[in-house]
């Protein structure tokens, strides 16, 4: 009898949360205030990181900016300071665990406790698996996935003490479904999604309801990171690469509404669900029709050219 009662209660809760999600889509919830909060953004020197910094600055948040590129990071800091907020920039190599922990200690000593952590930094090797040096493969996993563990371990304890905070993971649509020739990136983003979801469950189990989490899974963003990537041209007109500002503004709406997950655009939910429901061969047929199975080949060719010229692929 107890099992039946709990089953009915579960079904009621499931129905409630489905209806609540629908209502939130139609009637956008009032955004929360982050004025005065200390927000740390990784990869702040890149396109998305810079836009996140400027959007949080508009909301009045104090900023801590991390990037391995000192010049680009300081440029972001200069732009954010024009919004009249306190900004600190640190040069941090996210691929090195001790660099993360040392920088975190400096932030706590010099600025204070971080209450909003935006894990945004990302890199991709841009090589076929068998042609990619192990060091580049490891770097992708370290920056895109392992660093999430280190940054969270560095700042979550203070959030738990106050039962207050927000952890944002900028993953990718390629953390929900895959394509060919970017094994390092897909693996790292699947890892990021798994990390984030497990962390969200842990916080709920421990009743840390004051610490929010948001998972961001955008389609290809036009930052140059995946330059050359192309799906079938007829489909491309329906799903063009995302504008960076649009991506960040959509993400900010989700963050300020304490939304647990957002796919950008919403059509990304379709292949995510199809991957789970359809047989493997059926998904392959759909991918081939859309041109998704070979979409990364032009990107890899471009990436190889950039690498030979000394450029790197990072967001």
C-alpha atoms as a PDB file:
ATOM      1  CA  UNK A   1       0.000   0.000   0.000  1.00  0.00           C
ATOM      2  CA  UNK A   2       2.820   2.409   0.869  1.00  0.00           C
ATOM      3  CA  UNK A   3       4.415   1.810  -2.532  1.00  0.00           C
ATOM      4  CA  UNK A   4       1.137   2.635  -4.306  1.00  0.00           C
ATOM      5  CA  UNK A   5       0.704   5.840  -2.296  1.00  0.00           C
ATOM      6  CA  UNK A   6       4.288   6.939  -3.049  1.00  0.00           C
ATOM      7  CA  UNK A   7       3.798   6.090  -6.735  1.00  0.00           C
ATOM      8  CA  UNK A   8       0.675   8.270  -6.894  1.00  0.00           C
ATOM      9  CA  UNK A   9       2.458  11.111  -5.127  1.00  0.00           C
ATOM     10  CA  UNK A  10       5.347  10.812  -7.578  1.00  0.00           C
ATOM     11  CA  UNK A  11       2.966  10.991 -10.557  1.00  0.00           C
ATOM     12  CA  UNK A  12       1.318  14.067  -9.061  1.00  0.00           C
ATOM     13  CA  UNK A  13       4.726  15.712  -8.630  1.00  0.00           C
ATOM     14  CA  UNK A  14       5.749  14.808 -12.192  1.00  0.00           C
ATOM     15  CA  UNK A  15       2.520  16.324 -13.545  1.00  0.00           C
ATOM     16  CA  UNK A  16       3.037  19.447 -11.437  1.00  0.00           C
ATOM     17  CA  UNK A  17       6.581  20.033 -12.671  1.00  0.00           C
ATOM     18  CA  UNK A  18       5.592  19.459 -16.301  1.00  0.00           C
ATOM     19  CA  UNK A  19       2.793  22.012 -15.972  1.00  0.00           C
ATOM     20  CA  UNK A  20       5.113  24.422 -14.165  1.00  0.00           C
ATOM     21  CA  UNK A  21       7.648  24.164 -16.983  1.00  0.00           C
ATOM     22  CA  UNK A  22       4.934  24.914 -19.546  1.00  0.00           C
ATOM     23  CA  UNK A  23       3.750  27.912 -17.554  1.00  0.00           C
ATOM     24  CA  UNK A  24       7.314  29.225 -17.311  1.00  0.00           C
ATOM     25  CA  UNK A  25       7.668  29.061 -21.094  1.00  0.00           C
ATOM     26  CA  UNK A  26       4.489  31.113 -21.564  1.00  0.00           C
ATOM     27  CA  UNK A  27       4.816  33.424 -18.559  1.00  0.00           C
ATOM     28  CA  UNK A  28       8.457  34.154 -17.932  1.00  0.00           C
ATOM     29  CA  UNK A  29       9.259  34.154 -14.198  1.00  0.00           C
ATOM     30  CA  UNK A  30      10.556  37.329 -12.628  1.00  0.00           C
ATOM     31  CA  UNK A  31      14.383  37.351 -12.858  1.00  0.00           C
ATOM     32  CA  UNK A  32      16.280  37.249  -9.597  1.00  0.00           C
ATOM     33  CA  UNK A  33      18.700  39.984  -8.590  1.00  0.00           C
ATOM     34  CA  UNK A  34      22.433  39.301  -8.685  1.00  0.00           C
ATOM     35  CA  UNK A  35      23.366  42.860  -7.705  1.00  0.00           C
ATOM     36  CA  UNK A  36      26.464  42.729  -5.508  1.00  0.00           C
ATOM     37  CA  UNK A  37      27.009  38.979  -6.017  1.00  0.00           C
ATOM     38  CA  UNK A  38      30.565  37.846  -6.775  1.00  0.00           C
ATOM     39  CA  UNK A  39      30.525  36.093 -10.145  1.00  0.00           C
ATOM     40  CA  UNK A  40      33.516  34.147 -11.468  1.00  0.00           C
ATOM     41  CA  UNK A  41      33.629  33.411 -15.205  1.00  0.00           C
ATOM     42  CA  UNK A  42      36.151  31.057 -16.766  1.00  0.00           C
ATOM     43  CA  UNK A  43      37.257  31.613 -20.345  1.00  0.00           C
ATOM     44  CA  UNK A  44      36.437  35.291 -19.896  1.00  0.00           C
ATOM     45  CA  UNK A  45      38.779  36.364 -22.667  1.00  0.00           C
ATOM     46  CA  UNK A  46      36.791  34.504 -25.309  1.00  0.00           C
ATOM     47  CA  UNK A  47      33.695  35.647 -27.154  1.00  0.00           C
ATOM     48  CA  UNK A  48      31.074  34.024 -24.926  1.00  0.00           C
ATOM     49  CA  UNK A  49      33.013  34.672 -21.720  1.00  0.00           C
ATOM     50  CA  UNK A  50      33.288  38.362 -22.533  1.00  0.00           C
ATOM     51  CA  UNK A  51      29.577  38.630 -23.265  1.00  0.00           C
ATOM     52  CA  UNK A  52      28.714  36.792 -20.045  1.00  0.00           C
ATOM     53  CA  UNK A  53      30.906  39.252 -18.157  1.00  0.00           C
ATOM     54  CA  UNK A  54      29.176  42.253 -19.709  1.00  0.00           C
ATOM     55  CA  UNK A  55      25.702  40.829 -19.069  1.00  0.00           C
ATOM     56  CA  UNK A  56      26.466  40.082 -15.421  1.00  0.00           C
ATOM     57  CA  UNK A  57      28.013  43.549 -15.094  1.00  0.00           C
ATOM     58  CA  UNK A  58      24.749  45.062 -16.361  1.00  0.00           C
ATOM     59  CA  UNK A  59      22.995  43.193 -13.548  1.00  0.00           C
ATOM     60  CA  UNK A  60      25.347  44.736 -10.993  1.00  0.00           C
ATOM     61  CA  UNK A  61      27.400  41.654 -10.166  1.00  0.00           C
ATOM     62  CA  UNK A  62      31.031  42.001  -9.120  1.00  0.00           C
ATOM     63  CA  UNK A  63      33.281  40.042 -11.460  1.00  0.00           C
ATOM     64  CA  UNK A  64      36.250  37.722 -11.245  1.00  0.00           C
ATOM     65  CA  UNK A  65      37.556  36.850 -14.709  1.00  0.00           C
ATOM     66  CA  UNK A  66      39.746  33.843 -15.444  1.00  0.00           C
ATOM     67  CA  UNK A  67      41.521  33.104 -18.709  1.00  0.00           C
ATOM     68  CA  UNK A  68      44.901  31.799 -19.851  1.00  0.00           C
ATOM     69  CA  UNK A  69      45.138  34.728 -22.292  1.00  0.00           C
ATOM     70  CA  UNK A  70      46.135  37.688 -20.124  1.00  0.00           C
ATOM     71  CA  UNK A  71      45.655  40.329 -22.825  1.00  0.00           C
ATOM     72  CA  UNK A  72      42.191  39.141 -23.898  1.00  0.00           C
ATOM     73  CA  UNK A  73      41.111  38.744 -20.278  1.00  0.00           C
ATOM     74  CA  UNK A  74      42.190  42.257 -19.372  1.00  0.00           C
ATOM     75  CA  UNK A  75      40.319  43.601 -22.393  1.00  0.00           C
ATOM     76  CA  UNK A  76      37.156  41.986 -21.054  1.00  0.00           C
ATOM     77  CA  UNK A  77      37.864  43.501 -17.646  1.00  0.00           C
ATOM     78  CA  UNK A  78      38.231  46.979 -19.141  1.00  0.00           C
ATOM     79  CA  UNK A  79      34.901  46.691 -20.957  1.00  0.00           C
ATOM     80  CA  UNK A  80      33.129  45.393 -17.854  1.00  0.00           C
ATOM     81  CA  UNK A  81      34.516  48.184 -15.647  1.00  0.00           C
ATOM     82  CA  UNK A  82      32.741  50.685 -17.875  1.00  0.00           C
ATOM     83  CA  UNK A  83      29.516  49.286 -16.375  1.00  0.00           C
ATOM     84  CA  UNK A  84      30.652  50.656 -13.004  1.00  0.00           C
ATOM     85  CA  UNK A  85      31.276  47.320 -11.254  1.00  0.00           C
ATOM     86  CA  UNK A  86      34.313  45.930  -9.462  1.00  0.00           C
ATOM     87  CA  UNK A  87      36.292  43.595 -11.749  1.00  0.00           C
ATOM     88  CA  UNK A  88      39.353  41.472 -11.033  1.00  0.00           C
ATOM     89  CA  UNK A  89      41.202  39.597 -13.771  1.00  0.00           C
ATOM     90  CA  UNK A  90      43.438  36.579 -13.150  1.00  0.00           C
ATOM     91  CA  UNK A  91      45.576  34.595 -15.567  1.00  0.00           C
ATOM     92  CA  UNK A  92      44.714  30.951 -14.933  1.00  0.00           C
ATOM     93  CA  UNK A  93      45.575  27.778 -16.846  1.00  0.00           C
ATOM     94  CA  UNK A  94      42.507  25.595 -16.351  1.00  0.00           C
ATOM     95  CA  UNK A  95      44.346  22.559 -17.684  1.00  0.00           C
ATOM     96  CA  UNK A  96      46.500  22.592 -14.539  1.00  0.00           C
ATOM     97  CA  UNK A  97      44.784  21.642 -11.298  1.00  0.00           C
ATOM     98  CA  UNK A  98      47.196  23.488  -9.022  1.00  0.00           C
ATOM     99  CA  UNK A  99      46.845  26.658 -11.089  1.00  0.00           C
ATOM    100  CA  UNK A 100      43.091  26.544 -10.444  1.00  0.00           C
ATOM    101  CA  UNK A 101      43.459  25.950  -6.709  1.00  0.00           C
ATOM    102  CA  UNK A 102      46.139  28.647  -6.319  1.00  0.00           C
ATOM    103  CA  UNK A 103      44.025  31.193  -8.195  1.00  0.00           C
ATOM    104  CA  UNK A 104      40.951  30.262  -6.140  1.00  0.00           C
ATOM    105  CA  UNK A 105      42.906  30.898  -2.936  1.00  0.00           C
ATOM    106  CA  UNK A 106      43.964  34.317  -4.237  1.00  0.00           C
ATOM    107  CA  UNK A 107      40.365  35.171  -5.126  1.00  0.00           C
ATOM    108  CA  UNK A 108      39.119  34.267  -1.645  1.00  0.00           C
ATOM    109  CA  UNK A 109      41.908  36.298  -0.023  1.00  0.00           C
ATOM    110  CA  UNK A 110      41.732  39.347  -2.295  1.00  0.00           C
ATOM    111  CA  UNK A 111      38.061  39.569  -3.269  1.00  0.00           C
ATOM    112  CA  UNK A 112      35.890  37.235  -1.191  1.00  0.00           C
ATOM    113  CA  UNK A 113      33.675  34.198  -1.574  1.00  0.00           C
ATOM    114  CA  UNK A 114      32.357  33.443  -5.059  1.00  0.00           C
ATOM    115  CA  UNK A 115      28.566  33.041  -5.135  1.00  0.00           C
ATOM    116  CA  UNK A 116      28.092  32.560  -8.903  1.00  0.00           C
ATOM    117  CA  UNK A 117      30.420  30.236 -10.800  1.00  0.00           C
ATOM    118  CA  UNK A 118      30.139  30.227 -14.599  1.00  0.00           C
ATOM    119  CA  UNK A 119      32.183  27.363 -16.033  1.00  0.00           C
ATOM    120  CA  UNK A 120      32.359  28.665 -19.593  1.00  0.00           C
ATOM    121  CA  UNK A 121      35.880  27.906 -20.855  1.00  0.00           C
ATOM    122  CA  UNK A 122      36.169  25.406 -23.676  1.00  0.00           C
ATOM    123  CA  UNK A 123      38.690  24.169 -26.250  1.00  0.00           C
ATOM    124  CA  UNK A 124      38.742  21.637 -29.090  1.00  0.00           C
ATOM    125  CA  UNK A 125      41.686  19.967 -30.788  1.00  0.00           C
ATOM    126  CA  UNK A 126      40.235  20.091 -34.302  1.00  0.00           C
ATOM    127  CA  UNK A 127      42.002  16.925 -35.435  1.00  0.00           C
ATOM    128  CA  UNK A 128      40.881  13.434 -36.413  1.00  0.00           C
ATOM    129  CA  UNK A 129      41.346  11.000 -33.543  1.00  0.00           C
ATOM    130  CA  UNK A 130      44.245   9.025 -35.029  1.00  0.00           C
ATOM    131  CA  UNK A 131      45.990  12.177 -36.211  1.00  0.00           C
ATOM    132  CA  UNK A 132      45.628  14.102 -32.960  1.00  0.00           C
ATOM    133  CA  UNK A 133      48.558  14.279 -30.510  1.00  0.00           C
ATOM    134  CA  UNK A 134      47.703  12.867 -27.098  1.00  0.00           C
ATOM    135  CA  UNK A 135      48.574  16.194 -25.489  1.00  0.00           C
ATOM    136  CA  UNK A 136      45.812  17.986 -27.420  1.00  0.00           C
ATOM    137  CA  UNK A 137      43.271  15.285 -26.567  1.00  0.00           C
ATOM    138  CA  UNK A 138      44.195  15.537 -22.899  1.00  0.00           C
ATOM    139  CA  UNK A 139      43.969  19.326 -22.980  1.00  0.00           C
ATOM    140  CA  UNK A 140      40.389  19.183 -24.265  1.00  0.00           C
ATOM    141  CA  UNK A 141      39.358  16.832 -21.471  1.00  0.00           C
ATOM    142  CA  UNK A 142      41.236  18.831 -18.846  1.00  0.00           C
ATOM    143  CA  UNK A 143      39.779  22.229 -19.762  1.00  0.00           C
ATOM    144  CA  UNK A 144      36.250  21.187 -20.750  1.00  0.00           C
ATOM    145  CA  UNK A 145      35.630  18.552 -18.097  1.00  0.00           C
ATOM    146  CA  UNK A 146      38.262  18.081 -15.381  1.00  0.00           C
ATOM    147  CA  UNK A 147      38.441  21.800 -14.620  1.00  0.00           C
ATOM    148  CA  UNK A 148      34.750  21.709 -13.661  1.00  0.00           C
ATOM    149  CA  UNK A 149      35.649  19.442 -10.754  1.00  0.00           C
ATOM    150  CA  UNK A 150      38.474  21.704  -9.621  1.00  0.00           C
ATOM    151  CA  UNK A 151      36.606  25.005  -9.808  1.00  0.00           C
ATOM    152  CA  UNK A 152      33.560  23.529  -8.099  1.00  0.00           C
ATOM    153  CA  UNK A 153      35.637  21.948  -5.321  1.00  0.00           C
ATOM    154  CA  UNK A 154      37.327  25.314  -4.838  1.00  0.00           C
ATOM    155  CA  UNK A 155      34.178  27.413  -4.436  1.00  0.00           C
ATOM    156  CA  UNK A 156      31.286  25.105  -3.494  1.00  0.00           C
ATOM    157  CA  UNK A 157      32.257  24.754   0.206  1.00  0.00           C
ATOM    158  CA  UNK A 158      31.654  28.470   0.835  1.00  0.00           C
ATOM    159  CA  UNK A 159      28.342  28.272  -1.019  1.00  0.00           C
ATOM    160  CA  UNK A 160      27.294  25.367   1.195  1.00  0.00           C
ATOM    161  CA  UNK A 161      28.134  27.275   4.362  1.00  0.00           C
ATOM    162  CA  UNK A 162      25.725  30.023   3.295  1.00  0.00           C
ATOM    163  CA  UNK A 163      23.370  27.717   1.390  1.00  0.00           C
ATOM    164  CA  UNK A 164      23.519  30.322  -1.329  1.00  0.00           C
ATOM    165  CA  UNK A 165      25.019  30.308  -4.796  1.00  0.00           C
ATOM    166  CA  UNK A 166      24.641  29.373  -8.442  1.00  0.00           C
ATOM    167  CA  UNK A 167      26.762  27.040 -10.570  1.00  0.00           C
ATOM    168  CA  UNK A 168      26.463  27.388 -14.344  1.00  0.00           C
ATOM    169  CA  UNK A 169      27.927  24.835 -16.741  1.00  0.00           C
ATOM    170  CA  UNK A 170      28.216  25.948 -20.353  1.00  0.00           C
ATOM    171  CA  UNK A 171      28.266  22.579 -22.116  1.00  0.00           C
ATOM    172  CA  UNK A 172      27.106  22.005 -25.693  1.00  0.00           C
ATOM    173  CA  UNK A 173      24.526  20.273 -27.822  1.00  0.00           C
ATOM    174  CA  UNK A 174      27.405  17.861 -28.474  1.00  0.00           C
ATOM    175  CA  UNK A 175      27.143  16.888 -24.825  1.00  0.00           C
ATOM    176  CA  UNK A 176      23.678  15.506 -25.549  1.00  0.00           C
ATOM    177  CA  UNK A 177      24.260  13.814 -28.916  1.00  0.00           C
ATOM    178  CA  UNK A 178      27.317  13.260 -31.070  1.00  0.00           C
ATOM    179  CA  UNK A 179      28.807  13.672 -34.502  1.00  0.00           C
ATOM    180  CA  UNK A 180      31.916  12.335 -36.209  1.00  0.00           C
ATOM    181  CA  UNK A 181      35.533  13.490 -35.945  1.00  0.00           C
ATOM    182  CA  UNK A 182      35.311  15.476 -32.688  1.00  0.00           C
ATOM    183  CA  UNK A 183      35.679  12.622 -30.219  1.00  0.00           C
ATOM    184  CA  UNK A 184      37.651  14.736 -27.743  1.00  0.00           C
ATOM    185  CA  UNK A 185      35.062  17.514 -27.676  1.00  0.00           C
ATOM    186  CA  UNK A 186      32.028  15.208 -27.483  1.00  0.00           C
ATOM    187  CA  UNK A 187      33.616  13.147 -24.719  1.00  0.00           C
ATOM    188  CA  UNK A 188      34.462  16.260 -22.718  1.00  0.00           C
ATOM    189  CA  UNK A 189      31.003  17.776 -23.103  1.00  0.00           C
ATOM    190  CA  UNK A 190      29.220  14.519 -22.284  1.00  0.00           C
ATOM    191  CA  UNK A 191      31.419  14.496 -19.197  1.00  0.00           C
ATOM    192  CA  UNK A 192      30.446  18.077 -18.409  1.00  0.00           C
ATOM    193  CA  UNK A 193      26.740  17.249 -18.685  1.00  0.00           C
ATOM    194  CA  UNK A 194      27.152  14.162 -16.504  1.00  0.00           C
ATOM    195  CA  UNK A 195      29.144  16.103 -13.922  1.00  0.00           C
ATOM    196  CA  UNK A 196      26.614  18.910 -13.792  1.00  0.00           C
ATOM    197  CA  UNK A 197      23.552  16.669 -13.485  1.00  0.00           C
ATOM    198  CA  UNK A 198      25.137  14.514 -10.778  1.00  0.00           C
ATOM    199  CA  UNK A 199      26.137  17.641  -8.850  1.00  0.00           C
ATOM    200  CA  UNK A 200      22.590  19.005  -9.106  1.00  0.00           C
ATOM    201  CA  UNK A 201      21.236  15.733  -7.678  1.00  0.00           C
ATOM    202  CA  UNK A 202      23.793  15.816  -4.863  1.00  0.00           C
ATOM    203  CA  UNK A 203      22.811  19.337  -3.848  1.00  0.00           C
ATOM    204  CA  UNK A 204      19.146  18.311  -3.688  1.00  0.00           C
ATOM    205  CA  UNK A 205      19.914  15.186  -1.643  1.00  0.00           C
ATOM    206  CA  UNK A 206      21.841  17.329   0.828  1.00  0.00           C
ATOM    207  CA  UNK A 207      18.984  19.883   0.974  1.00  0.00           C
ATOM    208  CA  UNK A 208      21.197  22.704  -0.306  1.00  0.00           C
ATOM    209  CA  UNK A 209      18.164  24.252  -1.974  1.00  0.00           C
ATOM    210  CA  UNK A 210      19.722  27.705  -1.886  1.00  0.00           C
ATOM    211  CA  UNK A 211      22.410  26.655  -4.373  1.00  0.00           C
ATOM    212  CA  UNK A 212      21.014  26.713  -7.905  1.00  0.00           C
ATOM    213  CA  UNK A 213      22.385  25.051 -11.014  1.00  0.00           C
ATOM    214  CA  UNK A 214      21.922  25.800 -14.704  1.00  0.00           C
ATOM    215  CA  UNK A 215      23.107  23.635 -17.591  1.00  0.00           C
ATOM    216  CA  UNK A 216      23.498  25.474 -20.908  1.00  0.00           C
ATOM    217  CA  UNK A 217      23.577  23.378 -24.109  1.00  0.00           C
ATOM    218  CA  UNK A 218      23.817  25.578 -27.198  1.00  0.00           C
ATOM    219  CA  UNK A 219      24.014  24.537 -30.830  1.00  0.00           C
ATOM    220  CA  UNK A 220      27.070  25.758 -32.764  1.00  0.00           C
ATOM    221  CA  UNK A 221      27.782  29.355 -31.778  1.00  0.00           C
ATOM    222  CA  UNK A 222      29.358  31.641 -34.360  1.00  0.00           C
ATOM    223  CA  UNK A 223      32.519  32.386 -32.355  1.00  0.00           C
ATOM    224  CA  UNK A 224      34.934  30.896 -34.868  1.00  0.00           C
ATOM    225  CA  UNK A 225      35.610  27.879 -32.660  1.00  0.00           C
ATOM    226  CA  UNK A 226      33.925  25.549 -35.169  1.00  0.00           C
ATOM    227  CA  UNK A 227      34.600  27.627 -38.240  1.00  0.00           C
ATOM    228  CA  UNK A 228      33.661  25.735 -41.398  1.00  0.00           C
ATOM    229  CA  UNK A 229      31.272  23.295 -39.753  1.00  0.00           C
ATOM    230  CA  UNK A 230      28.287  22.869 -42.081  1.00  0.00           C
ATOM    231  CA  UNK A 231      25.176  20.723 -42.112  1.00  0.00           C
ATOM    232  CA  UNK A 232      23.010  20.248 -45.213  1.00  0.00           C
ATOM    233  CA  UNK A 233      22.405  23.669 -46.742  1.00  0.00           C
ATOM    234  CA  UNK A 234      18.595  23.328 -46.790  1.00  0.00           C
ATOM    235  CA  UNK A 235      18.632  22.464 -43.075  1.00  0.00           C
ATOM    236  CA  UNK A 236      21.220  25.146 -42.363  1.00  0.00           C
ATOM    237  CA  UNK A 237      18.649  27.797 -43.260  1.00  0.00           C
ATOM    238  CA  UNK A 238      16.383  26.460 -40.509  1.00  0.00           C
ATOM    239  CA  UNK A 239      19.153  25.985 -37.942  1.00  0.00           C
ATOM    240  CA  UNK A 240      21.888  28.549 -38.648  1.00  0.00           C
ATOM    241  CA  UNK A 241      24.854  29.012 -36.283  1.00  0.00           C
ATOM    242  CA  UNK A 242      23.842  30.987 -33.210  1.00  0.00           C
ATOM    243  CA  UNK A 243      24.773  34.609 -32.720  1.00  0.00           C
ATOM    244  CA  UNK A 244      26.985  34.848 -29.599  1.00  0.00           C
ATOM    245  CA  UNK A 245      24.997  37.692 -28.013  1.00  0.00           C
ATOM    246  CA  UNK A 246      21.699  35.874 -28.556  1.00  0.00           C
ATOM    247  CA  UNK A 247      23.179  32.741 -26.980  1.00  0.00           C
ATOM    248  CA  UNK A 248      24.389  34.581 -23.898  1.00  0.00           C
ATOM    249  CA  UNK A 249      21.186  36.580 -23.468  1.00  0.00           C
ATOM    250  CA  UNK A 250      19.098  33.402 -23.656  1.00  0.00           C
ATOM    251  CA  UNK A 251      21.446  31.783 -21.163  1.00  0.00           C
ATOM    252  CA  UNK A 252      21.186  34.774 -18.814  1.00  0.00           C
ATOM    253  CA  UNK A 253      17.389  34.581 -18.844  1.00  0.00           C
ATOM    254  CA  UNK A 254      17.641  30.955 -17.786  1.00  0.00           C
ATOM    255  CA  UNK A 255      20.213  31.700 -15.086  1.00  0.00           C
ATOM    256  CA  UNK A 256      18.256  34.609 -13.606  1.00  0.00           C
ATOM    257  CA  UNK A 257      15.102  32.466 -13.631  1.00  0.00           C
ATOM    258  CA  UNK A 258      16.939  29.615 -11.832  1.00  0.00           C
ATOM    259  CA  UNK A 259      16.139  27.371 -14.800  1.00  0.00           C
ATOM    260  CA  UNK A 260      17.885  24.027 -14.438  1.00  0.00           C
ATOM    261  CA  UNK A 261      18.623  23.431 -18.124  1.00  0.00           C
ATOM    262  CA  UNK A 262      18.355  25.261 -21.404  1.00  0.00           C
ATOM    263  CA  UNK A 263      18.979  24.071 -24.970  1.00  0.00           C
ATOM    264  CA  UNK A 264      19.538  26.829 -27.516  1.00  0.00           C
ATOM    265  CA  UNK A 265      17.587  26.841 -29.777  1.00  0.00           C
ATOM    266  CA  UNK A 266      14.699  24.765 -28.415  1.00  0.00           C
ATOM    267  CA  UNK A 267      14.762  22.482 -31.469  1.00  0.00           C
ATOM    268  CA  UNK A 268      17.914  20.911 -29.975  1.00  0.00           C
ATOM    269  CA  UNK A 269      15.626  19.060 -27.556  1.00  0.00           C
ATOM    270  CA  UNK A 270      14.332  17.035 -30.539  1.00  0.00           C
ATOM    271  CA  UNK A 271      17.560  15.168 -31.465  1.00  0.00           C
ATOM    272  CA  UNK A 272      18.314  14.830 -27.744  1.00  0.00           C
ATOM    273  CA  UNK A 273      15.038  12.971 -27.197  1.00  0.00           C
ATOM    274  CA  UNK A 274      15.323  11.084 -30.497  1.00  0.00           C
ATOM    275  CA  UNK A 275      18.748   9.772 -29.522  1.00  0.00           C
ATOM    276  CA  UNK A 276      17.217   8.114 -26.480  1.00  0.00           C
ATOM    277  CA  UNK A 277      14.076   6.786 -28.166  1.00  0.00           C
ATOM    278  CA  UNK A 278      15.145   5.737 -31.660  1.00  0.00           C
ATOM    279  CA  UNK A 279      17.305   2.750 -32.608  1.00  0.00           C
ATOM    280  CA  UNK A 280      20.937   3.578 -33.359  1.00  0.00           C
ATOM    281  CA  UNK A 281      20.489   2.953 -37.092  1.00  0.00           C
ATOM    282  CA  UNK A 282      17.473   5.280 -37.213  1.00  0.00           C
ATOM    283  CA  UNK A 283      19.525   8.083 -35.674  1.00  0.00           C
ATOM    284  CA  UNK A 284      22.290   7.444 -38.208  1.00  0.00           C
ATOM    285  CA  UNK A 285      19.816   7.784 -41.082  1.00  0.00           C
ATOM    286  CA  UNK A 286      18.567  11.115 -39.698  1.00  0.00           C
ATOM    287  CA  UNK A 287      22.128  12.383 -39.186  1.00  0.00           C
ATOM    288  CA  UNK A 288      23.021  11.522 -42.778  1.00  0.00           C
ATOM    289  CA  UNK A 289      19.920  13.217 -44.133  1.00  0.00           C
ATOM    290  CA  UNK A 290      20.805  16.391 -42.230  1.00  0.00           C
ATOM    291  CA  UNK A 291      24.469  16.194 -43.191  1.00  0.00           C
ATOM    292  CA  UNK A 292      25.430  15.868 -39.545  1.00  0.00           C
ATOM    293  CA  UNK A 293      27.644  12.840 -40.093  1.00  0.00           C
ATOM    294  CA  UNK A 294      30.153  14.842 -42.180  1.00  0.00           C
ATOM    295  CA  UNK A 295      29.518  18.353 -40.891  1.00  0.00           C
ATOM    296  CA  UNK A 296      32.853  18.554 -39.048  1.00  0.00           C
ATOM    297  CA  UNK A 297      35.065  17.675 -42.026  1.00  0.00           C
ATOM    298  CA  UNK A 298      35.343  21.284 -43.336  1.00  0.00           C
ATOM    299  CA  UNK A 299      35.947  22.442 -39.746  1.00  0.00           C
ATOM    300  CA  UNK A 300      38.822  19.994 -39.302  1.00  0.00           C
ATOM    301  CA  UNK A 301      40.370  21.150 -42.564  1.00  0.00           C
ATOM    302  CA  UNK A 302      40.138  24.774 -41.378  1.00  0.00           C
ATOM    303  CA  UNK A 303      41.480  23.850 -37.939  1.00  0.00           C
ATOM    304  CA  UNK A 304      44.495  22.111 -39.461  1.00  0.00           C
ATOM    305  CA  UNK A 305      45.218  25.221 -41.503  1.00  0.00           C
ATOM    306  CA  UNK A 306      44.930  27.457 -38.432  1.00  0.00           C
ATOM    307  CA  UNK A 307      47.137  25.129 -36.395  1.00  0.00           C
ATOM    308  CA  UNK A 308      49.826  25.232 -39.058  1.00  0.00           C
ATOM    309  CA  UNK A 309      49.681  29.017 -38.778  1.00  0.00           C
ATOM    310  CA  UNK A 310      50.064  28.902 -34.996  1.00  0.00           C
ATOM    311  CA  UNK A 311      46.462  29.603 -34.019  1.00  0.00           C
ATOM    312  CA  UNK A 312      44.472  27.639 -31.426  1.00  0.00           C
ATOM    313  CA  UNK A 313      40.848  26.613 -31.113  1.00  0.00           C
ATOM    314  CA  UNK A 314      39.259  27.980 -27.969  1.00  0.00           C
ATOM    315  CA  UNK A 315      36.000  29.618 -26.960  1.00  0.00           C
END
